[in-house]
Amino acid sequence: MKELQRFGYPIFFVVMALLPHLLNSRWQAVSITFLIFAVVALSQDIILGKSGMFNMGQAMFFGMGAYITAILNAQYGWPMLATVPLAILIPALFGILLAGPIVHLRGDYLLVVTIGFNIVFVQVVQNNLGGITGGPNGIFGLDSLSLFNWPLDSQVAVYYFAFAVLLLTLWVMHNLEKSKAGRALHYLREDQLAAESIGINTRVYKIFAFGLGAGIAGLAGTVFAVQYSAVSPEAFEFIQSVLFFSIVIVGGSSIPGVLIGVFVMFVLPEIFREFATWRFFIFGFAMIAAMILRPRGIIPATFGKIPKFLIKDSNHG
């Protein structure tokens, strides 16, 4: 993993920085969506991978951020960048409020509840809550991105905005892994009872994971609204939450694994789009092969290091 961090990340950053200049407009759009989905998948990894909580409603927070940006821009004339703080804070607050009553649930019980939240969110925006969500058609005609009155309306500019958001998310994830909170979440995932026995307030850290994951997903929602200049309910349905859940499982709950998971689960089917429905067979086979060959994920997450004297000689037990 250290070798990957030393050489893999710099290569990845350089390739992604140069990528939009090497692609046509269609693949630039695919690359932007890859960056957005990577941010949402990393936010899901905080809840599912780092904390071990079965959350199947991440598309709700993703959509919440997108709709906040769209409503503030279309209804109240806010610049797109000015909506970013609320697109982070409001989903984070909702994540905390929603997690409070349900974090005591485990496994499939929590899974069902988060599915319900996602369905309720889609129904709310489809029914045009308060006359501001646009109903089934959504909200269209959003302004383009601008910085200090300098328009950033090209697809390449949107790509670099999405890339900057991904870099910010990676920085947050890197610091989380090395923090006290990151260690607590790891212990919580491995064994909740043992974590409680050493003084970790598991309820607080579960709510923290939901809030942080929701805030990052909301930020990705802003980028989504910027990319398409529109939002609509079908983009945030339950099936999207299934995609993000699958990405973390297939990737292995490590940062490189999640990025590869996004490629396998999203970009790979796009490569075979010309084969129409057959591309979904390729997608399915790729997922099955990953689970058979790498049951813990493509690049499993690691935490800590076993001292060498414990594993050097079998006589040590």
Protein backbone atom coordinates (compact mmCIF):
# COMPACT_ATOMS: atom_id res chain seq x y z
CA MET A 1 0.00 0.00 0.00
CA LYS A 2 2.90 2.35 0.76
CA GLU A 3 4.33 1.72 -2.72
CA LEU A 4 0.91 2.52 -4.19
CA GLN A 5 0.74 5.79 -2.27
CA ARG A 6 4.27 6.71 -3.28
CA PHE A 7 3.95 6.03 -7.01
CA GLY A 8 0.32 5.24 -7.82
CA TYR A 9 -1.29 8.43 -6.53
CA PRO A 10 1.10 10.84 -8.32
CA ILE A 11 0.61 8.94 -11.59
CA PHE A 12 -3.18 8.99 -11.10
CA PHE A 13 -3.19 12.74 -10.39
CA VAL A 14 -1.04 13.54 -13.42
CA VAL A 15 -3.15 11.37 -15.74
CA MET A 16 -6.40 12.87 -14.47
CA ALA A 17 -5.02 16.41 -14.80
CA LEU A 18 -4.14 15.82 -18.46
CA LEU A 19 -7.08 13.59 -19.35
CA PRO A 20 -9.67 16.15 -20.57
CA HIS A 21 -7.26 17.43 -23.22
CA LEU A 22 -6.91 13.93 -24.66
CA LEU A 23 -10.63 13.11 -24.95
CA ASN A 24 -13.55 14.13 -27.12
CA SER A 25 -16.62 15.81 -25.63
CA ARG A 26 -18.47 12.54 -24.96
CA TRP A 27 -15.65 11.02 -22.97
CA GLN A 28 -15.03 14.31 -21.19
CA ALA A 29 -18.62 14.05 -19.93
CA VAL A 30 -18.04 10.43 -18.88
CA SER A 31 -14.87 11.50 -17.05
CA ILE A 32 -16.73 14.23 -15.15
CA THR A 33 -19.35 11.70 -14.08
CA PHE A 34 -16.55 9.34 -13.03
CA LEU A 35 -15.16 12.06 -10.74
CA ILE A 36 -18.61 12.82 -9.29
CA PHE A 37 -19.40 9.15 -8.67
CA ALA A 38 -15.95 8.68 -7.10
CA VAL A 39 -16.72 11.42 -4.57
CA VAL A 40 -20.14 9.91 -3.73
CA ALA A 41 -18.62 6.42 -3.48
CA LEU A 42 -15.95 7.71 -1.09
CA SER A 43 -18.67 9.32 1.01
CA GLN A 44 -20.48 5.98 1.05
CA ASP A 45 -17.22 4.31 2.08
CA ILE A 46 -17.16 6.41 5.27
CA ILE A 47 -20.53 4.95 6.31
CA LEU A 48 -20.34 1.44 4.86
CA GLY A 49 -16.63 0.70 4.58
CA LYS A 50 -15.13 2.60 7.50
CA SER A 51 -18.03 2.19 9.95
CA GLY A 52 -19.61 -1.06 8.77
CA MET A 53 -23.15 0.36 8.64
CA PHE A 54 -25.36 -0.94 5.81
CA ASN A 55 -26.50 2.30 4.23
CA MET A 56 -28.47 2.00 0.99
CA GLY A 57 -29.66 5.61 0.80
CA GLN A 58 -26.58 7.58 -0.22
CA ALA A 59 -28.25 8.83 -3.40
CA MET A 60 -30.64 10.77 -1.16
CA PHE A 61 -27.82 12.95 0.22
CA PHE A 62 -26.33 13.22 -3.27
CA GLY A 63 -29.68 14.42 -4.63
CA MET A 64 -30.23 16.73 -1.69
CA GLY A 65 -27.04 18.64 -2.48
CA ALA A 66 -27.96 18.84 -6.17
CA TYR A 67 -31.47 20.13 -5.43
CA ILE A 68 -30.23 22.70 -2.90
CA THR A 69 -27.88 24.12 -5.53
CA ALA A 70 -30.58 24.06 -8.21
CA ILE A 71 -33.25 25.69 -6.02
CA LEU A 72 -30.98 28.43 -4.71
CA ASN A 73 -29.78 29.21 -8.23
CA ALA A 74 -33.08 28.95 -10.13
CA GLN A 75 -35.43 30.36 -7.50
CA TYR A 76 -33.25 32.86 -5.64
CA GLY A 77 -30.52 33.74 -8.13
CA TRP A 78 -27.56 32.53 -6.07
CA PRO A 79 -24.31 31.96 -7.99
CA MET A 80 -23.50 28.26 -8.27
CA LEU A 81 -20.36 28.45 -6.12
CA ALA A 82 -22.23 30.38 -3.40
CA THR A 83 -24.56 27.41 -2.93
CA VAL A 84 -21.71 25.05 -1.99
CA PRO A 85 -21.70 25.69 1.80
CA LEU A 86 -25.44 24.98 2.15
CA ALA A 87 -25.19 22.01 -0.22
CA ILE A 88 -22.73 20.53 2.27
CA LEU A 89 -24.24 21.67 5.57
CA ILE A 90 -27.91 20.85 4.96
CA PRO A 91 -27.33 17.21 3.86
CA ALA A 92 -24.86 16.81 6.74
CA LEU A 93 -27.49 18.11 9.18
CA PHE A 94 -30.12 15.79 7.71
CA GLY A 95 -27.66 12.91 7.94
CA ILE A 96 -27.18 13.62 11.64
CA LEU A 97 -30.92 14.04 12.32
CA LEU A 98 -31.88 10.92 10.39
CA ALA A 99 -29.09 8.82 11.85
CA GLY A 100 -29.98 9.67 15.46
CA PRO A 101 -33.05 7.39 15.72
CA ILE A 102 -31.72 4.54 13.54
CA VAL A 103 -28.04 3.99 14.36
CA HIS A 104 -28.97 1.36 16.94
CA LEU A 105 -30.22 -0.81 14.06
CA ARG A 106 -27.83 -3.30 12.51
CA GLY A 107 -27.45 -5.21 9.25
CA ASP A 108 -30.49 -5.62 7.05
CA TYR A 109 -32.72 -3.63 9.43
CA LEU A 110 -30.63 -0.50 8.85
CA LEU A 111 -30.50 -1.35 5.15
CA VAL A 112 -34.29 -1.36 4.84
CA VAL A 113 -34.69 1.91 6.73
CA THR A 114 -32.17 3.77 4.55
CA ILE A 115 -33.88 2.41 1.43
CA GLY A 116 -37.10 3.88 2.77
CA PHE A 117 -35.49 7.28 3.28
CA ASN A 118 -34.24 7.27 -0.31
CA ILE A 119 -37.69 6.41 -1.66
CA VAL A 120 -39.33 9.13 0.46
CA PHE A 121 -36.85 11.73 -0.84
CA VAL A 122 -37.60 10.85 -4.47
CA GLN A 123 -41.35 11.01 -3.81
CA VAL A 124 -41.00 14.41 -2.14
CA VAL A 125 -39.17 16.02 -5.05
CA GLN A 126 -41.45 14.34 -7.60
CA ASN A 127 -44.48 15.87 -5.87
CA ASN A 128 -42.97 19.36 -6.12
CA LEU A 129 -42.59 20.14 -2.43
CA GLY A 130 -43.44 23.80 -1.80
CA GLY A 131 -43.63 24.39 -5.53
CA ILE A 132 -39.84 24.66 -5.78
CA THR A 133 -38.56 21.19 -6.78
CA GLY A 134 -40.06 21.17 -10.28
CA GLY A 135 -41.98 17.92 -9.86
CA PRO A 136 -41.21 14.94 -12.12
CA ASN A 137 -39.51 17.20 -14.68
CA GLY A 138 -37.04 18.61 -12.17
CA ILE A 139 -35.30 21.99 -12.50
CA PHE A 140 -33.69 23.08 -15.75
CA GLY A 141 -31.78 26.06 -17.10
CA LEU A 142 -29.33 26.53 -14.24
CA ASP A 143 -26.57 29.08 -14.61
CA SER A 144 -23.08 28.02 -15.63
CA LEU A 145 -20.20 28.05 -13.20
CA SER A 146 -18.41 31.37 -12.69
CA LEU A 147 -15.54 32.56 -10.54
CA PHE A 148 -15.28 36.28 -9.73
CA ASN A 149 -17.63 37.03 -12.66
CA TRP A 150 -15.39 35.02 -14.97
CA PRO A 151 -17.57 32.38 -16.69
CA LEU A 152 -16.38 28.77 -16.52
CA ASP A 153 -18.93 27.34 -18.89
CA SER A 154 -16.74 24.95 -20.87
CA GLN A 155 -16.82 21.21 -20.23
CA VAL A 156 -13.10 21.26 -19.42
CA ALA A 157 -13.70 23.88 -16.71
CA VAL A 158 -16.43 21.72 -15.17
CA TYR A 159 -14.04 18.75 -15.29
CA TYR A 160 -11.41 20.62 -13.29
CA PHE A 161 -14.05 21.77 -10.80
CA ALA A 162 -15.05 18.12 -10.31
CA PHE A 163 -11.37 17.13 -10.08
CA ALA A 164 -10.78 19.76 -7.39
CA VAL A 165 -13.72 18.37 -5.40
CA LEU A 166 -12.28 14.85 -5.70
CA LEU A 167 -8.88 16.07 -4.47
CA LEU A 168 -10.56 17.76 -1.50
CA THR A 169 -12.43 14.54 -0.73
CA LEU A 170 -9.24 12.47 -0.95
CA TRP A 171 -7.57 14.89 1.46
CA VAL A 172 -10.46 14.48 3.92
CA MET A 173 -10.31 10.68 3.59
CA HIS A 174 -6.54 10.62 4.09
CA ASN A 175 -6.78 12.70 7.26
CA LEU A 176 -9.74 10.67 8.52
CA GLU A 177 -7.76 7.42 8.25
CA LYS A 178 -4.98 8.85 10.43
CA SER A 179 -7.25 10.55 12.98
CA LYS A 180 -8.74 9.42 16.29
CA ALA A 181 -12.16 9.34 14.63
CA GLY A 182 -10.84 7.10 11.85
CA ARG A 183 -9.43 4.63 14.37
CA ALA A 184 -12.70 4.64 16.29
CA LEU A 185 -14.70 3.92 13.13
CA HIS A 186 -12.38 1.05 12.28
CA TYR A 187 -12.82 -0.51 15.72
CA LEU A 188 -16.56 0.02 15.41
CA ARG A 189 -16.63 -1.83 12.11
CA GLU A 190 -14.57 -4.74 13.39
CA ASP A 191 -16.47 -5.29 16.65
CA GLN A 192 -18.96 -2.85 18.15
CA LEU A 193 -19.05 -4.57 21.54
CA ALA A 194 -15.27 -4.56 21.83
CA ALA A 195 -15.19 -0.89 20.78
CA GLU A 196 -17.67 0.00 23.50
CA SER A 197 -15.67 -1.99 26.06
CA ILE A 198 -12.61 0.24 25.52
CA GLY A 199 -14.62 3.43 25.96
CA ILE A 200 -15.60 4.37 22.39
CA ASN A 201 -18.99 6.09 22.18
CA THR A 202 -20.22 4.10 19.21
CA ARG A 203 -23.48 6.07 18.87
CA VAL A 204 -21.62 9.38 18.50
CA TYR A 205 -19.22 7.98 15.92
CA LYS A 206 -22.00 6.36 13.91
CA ILE A 207 -23.83 9.70 13.73
CA PHE A 208 -20.53 11.42 12.86
CA ALA A 209 -20.00 8.98 9.96
CA PHE A 210 -23.49 9.63 8.60
CA GLY A 211 -23.06 13.41 8.87
CA LEU A 212 -19.64 13.47 7.20
CA GLY A 213 -20.70 11.06 4.45
CA ALA A 214 -23.87 13.05 3.78
CA GLY A 215 -21.98 16.36 3.57
CA ILE A 216 -19.47 15.03 1.05
CA ALA A 217 -22.26 13.48 -1.03
CA GLY A 218 -24.07 16.84 -0.99
CA LEU A 219 -20.96 18.53 -2.36
CA ALA A 220 -20.89 15.98 -5.19
CA GLY A 221 -24.53 16.89 -5.86
CA THR A 222 -23.50 20.49 -6.54
CA VAL A 223 -20.98 19.30 -9.13
CA PHE A 224 -23.70 17.16 -10.72
CA ALA A 225 -26.02 20.19 -11.00
CA VAL A 226 -23.18 22.21 -12.52
CA GLN A 227 -22.40 19.50 -15.08
CA TYR A 228 -25.94 19.12 -16.43
CA SER A 229 -27.36 22.58 -15.58
CA ALA A 230 -30.40 20.61 -14.41
CA VAL A 231 -31.61 18.14 -11.80
CA SER A 232 -34.44 15.62 -11.92
CA PRO A 233 -35.72 12.93 -9.51
CA GLU A 234 -34.76 9.87 -11.56
CA ALA A 235 -31.06 10.69 -11.19
CA PHE A 236 -31.25 9.99 -7.44
CA GLU A 237 -33.48 6.93 -7.24
CA PHE A 238 -32.78 3.86 -5.15
CA ILE A 239 -30.90 2.14 -7.99
CA GLN A 240 -28.20 4.82 -7.72
CA SER A 241 -27.73 3.98 -4.05
CA VAL A 242 -27.32 0.33 -5.09
CA LEU A 243 -24.56 1.40 -7.48
CA PHE A 244 -22.63 3.29 -4.79
CA PHE A 245 -23.11 0.41 -2.33
CA SER A 246 -21.77 -2.04 -4.93
CA ILE A 247 -18.78 0.15 -5.75
CA VAL A 248 -17.58 0.07 -2.14
CA ILE A 249 -18.12 -3.69 -1.84
CA VAL A 250 -16.36 -4.47 -5.14
CA GLY A 251 -13.57 -1.95 -4.52
CA GLY A 252 -12.72 -3.24 -1.05
CA SER A 253 -13.23 -0.10 1.05
CA SER A 254 -9.82 1.42 0.33
CA ILE A 255 -9.34 4.65 -1.61
CA PRO A 256 -7.63 2.95 -4.60
CA GLY A 257 -10.20 0.17 -4.45
CA VAL A 258 -13.13 2.60 -4.53
CA LEU A 259 -11.65 4.45 -7.52
CA ILE A 260 -11.16 1.15 -9.37
CA GLY A 261 -14.66 0.14 -8.32
CA VAL A 262 -16.10 3.27 -9.96
CA PHE A 263 -14.22 2.38 -13.13
CA VAL A 264 -15.50 -1.21 -13.11
CA MET A 265 -19.09 -0.34 -12.20
CA PHE A 266 -19.54 2.82 -14.28
CA VAL A 267 -16.83 3.44 -16.89
CA LEU A 268 -16.54 -0.18 -18.08
CA PRO A 269 -20.21 -0.37 -19.15
CA GLU A 270 -19.76 2.97 -20.95
CA ILE A 271 -16.85 1.54 -22.94
CA PHE A 272 -19.14 -1.23 -24.21
CA ARG A 273 -22.18 1.01 -24.73
CA GLU A 274 -22.12 0.35 -28.50
CA PHE A 275 -23.00 -3.27 -27.76
CA ALA A 276 -26.36 -2.08 -26.38
CA THR A 277 -27.79 -4.55 -23.88
CA TRP A 278 -24.76 -6.81 -24.06
CA ARG A 279 -22.79 -4.24 -22.11
CA PHE A 280 -24.81 -5.13 -19.01
CA PHE A 281 -23.76 -8.76 -19.38
CA ILE A 282 -20.12 -7.60 -19.48
CA PHE A 283 -20.79 -5.44 -16.44
CA GLY A 284 -22.35 -8.37 -14.58
CA PHE A 285 -19.56 -10.78 -15.48
CA ALA A 286 -16.96 -8.25 -14.35
CA MET A 287 -18.70 -7.87 -10.99
CA ILE A 288 -19.03 -11.66 -10.51
CA ALA A 289 -15.38 -12.20 -11.45
CA ALA A 290 -14.27 -9.53 -8.99
CA MET A 291 -16.25 -11.14 -6.17
CA ILE A 292 -14.93 -14.64 -6.93
CA LEU A 293 -11.30 -13.69 -7.43
CA ARG A 294 -11.20 -10.93 -4.80
CA PRO A 295 -13.93 -11.68 -2.22
CA ARG A 296 -12.67 -8.94 0.11
CA GLY A 297 -12.68 -6.43 -2.72
CA ILE A 298 -10.26 -5.50 -5.48
CA ILE A 299 -7.96 -3.66 -3.06
CA PRO A 300 -9.03 -4.47 0.51
CA ALA A 301 -8.62 -1.80 3.16
CA THR A 302 -5.83 -2.33 5.69
CA PHE A 303 -5.46 -0.75 9.09
CA GLY A 304 -2.45 -0.91 11.33
CA LYS A 305 0.36 -3.40 11.12
CA ILE A 306 0.99 -6.67 12.97
CA PRO A 307 4.43 -6.63 14.65
CA LYS A 308 6.94 -8.78 12.80
CA PHE A 309 7.86 -10.82 15.85
CA LEU A 310 4.26 -12.12 16.01
CA ILE A 311 4.29 -13.46 12.46
CA LYS A 312 7.96 -14.24 11.81
CA ASP A 313 7.94 -17.60 13.54
CA SER A 314 4.98 -19.93 14.01
CA ASN A 315 6.30 -20.76 17.51
CA HIS A 316 4.93 -17.44 18.68
CA GLY A 317 1.41 -18.71 18.05
